[in-house]
Amino acid sequence: MGSRTVLRYVRHRITQHPDTDVTFEAECLLCEWTATPSTDGAAVDVECMSHTGRTGHGGFRRICTSFAMVVRDE
């Protein structure tokens, strides 16, 4: 007797993990300065602008971290 394979396709979607927030960070490209991580992206941008005002450094690496989860699309 032969075996049968049953394939079942289930749609999924990726979504923001409900128990987490998006975190924004920044670091200067010319020195070791880093902004305080925050859930408020505008606050991190203000810190970058203040750093530029104090130092003249205008380049930053901005990082946005979020946690996601894959769930069945019902």
Protein backbone atom coordinates (compact mmCIF):
# COMPACT_ATOMS: atom_id res chain seq x y z
CA MET A 1 0.00 0.00 0.00
CA GLY A 2 1.41 3.44 -0.99
CA SER A 3 1.63 6.47 1.26
CA ARG A 4 -0.18 9.75 0.66
CA THR A 5 1.12 13.21 1.30
CA VAL A 6 -1.37 15.89 2.24
CA LEU A 7 -0.23 19.48 1.80
CA ARG A 8 -2.17 22.18 3.55
CA TYR A 9 -1.39 25.85 3.02
CA VAL A 10 -2.26 28.29 5.75
CA ARG A 11 -1.98 32.05 5.25
CA HIS A 12 0.08 33.95 7.81
CA ARG A 13 0.86 37.58 8.47
CA ILE A 14 3.56 39.35 10.43
CA THR A 15 2.58 41.93 13.03
CA GLN A 16 4.07 44.05 15.79
CA HIS A 17 4.41 42.01 18.98
CA PRO A 18 1.63 43.31 21.27
CA ASP A 19 3.77 43.34 24.44
CA THR A 20 6.56 45.52 23.03
CA ASP A 21 7.17 49.05 21.79
CA VAL A 22 9.29 50.30 18.93
CA THR A 23 12.61 51.64 20.26
CA PHE A 24 14.57 54.43 18.56
CA GLU A 25 18.33 54.92 18.95
CA ALA A 26 21.06 56.99 17.29
CA GLU A 27 24.83 57.16 17.29
CA CYS A 28 27.20 59.77 15.93
CA LEU A 29 29.29 58.75 12.92
CA LEU A 30 32.25 60.92 14.03
CA CYS A 31 32.57 60.16 17.75
CA GLU A 32 31.39 57.71 20.40
CA TRP A 33 28.24 59.70 21.33
CA THR A 34 24.92 57.84 21.47
CA ALA A 35 21.40 59.07 22.13
CA THR A 36 19.37 57.68 24.99
CA PRO A 37 17.14 54.91 23.55
CA SER A 38 13.48 55.92 23.59
CA THR A 39 10.06 54.93 22.34
CA ASP A 40 9.75 58.56 21.16
CA GLY A 41 11.59 58.94 17.84
CA ALA A 42 11.27 62.73 17.94
CA ALA A 43 13.09 62.86 21.30
CA VAL A 44 16.03 60.96 19.79
CA ASP A 45 16.07 63.35 16.82
CA VAL A 46 16.20 66.33 19.22
CA GLU A 47 19.18 64.73 21.00
CA CYS A 48 20.94 64.38 17.64
CA MET A 49 20.31 68.02 16.79
CA SER A 50 21.61 69.09 20.22
CA HIS A 51 24.75 67.02 19.66
CA THR A 52 25.24 68.71 16.29
CA GLY A 53 24.86 72.11 17.94
CA ARG A 54 27.51 71.28 20.56
CA THR A 55 30.00 69.51 18.28
CA GLY A 56 29.26 70.33 14.64
CA HIS A 57 28.92 66.58 13.96
CA GLY A 58 26.07 66.14 11.49
CA GLY A 59 26.06 62.44 10.62
CA PHE A 60 24.17 59.84 12.62
CA ARG A 61 23.19 56.22 12.35
CA ARG A 62 19.55 55.94 13.39
CA ILE A 63 18.23 52.59 14.56
CA CYS A 64 14.60 51.57 14.91
CA THR A 65 14.06 48.25 16.68
CA SER A 66 10.75 46.44 16.78
CA PHE A 67 9.70 42.95 17.72
CA ALA A 68 7.36 41.04 15.49
CA MET A 69 5.43 37.84 15.53
CA VAL A 70 3.96 35.68 12.80
CA VAL A 71 0.32 34.70 13.29
CA ARG A 72 -2.22 32.80 11.27
CA ASP A 73 -4.34 35.01 9.09
CA GLU A 74 -7.85 33.98 9.98
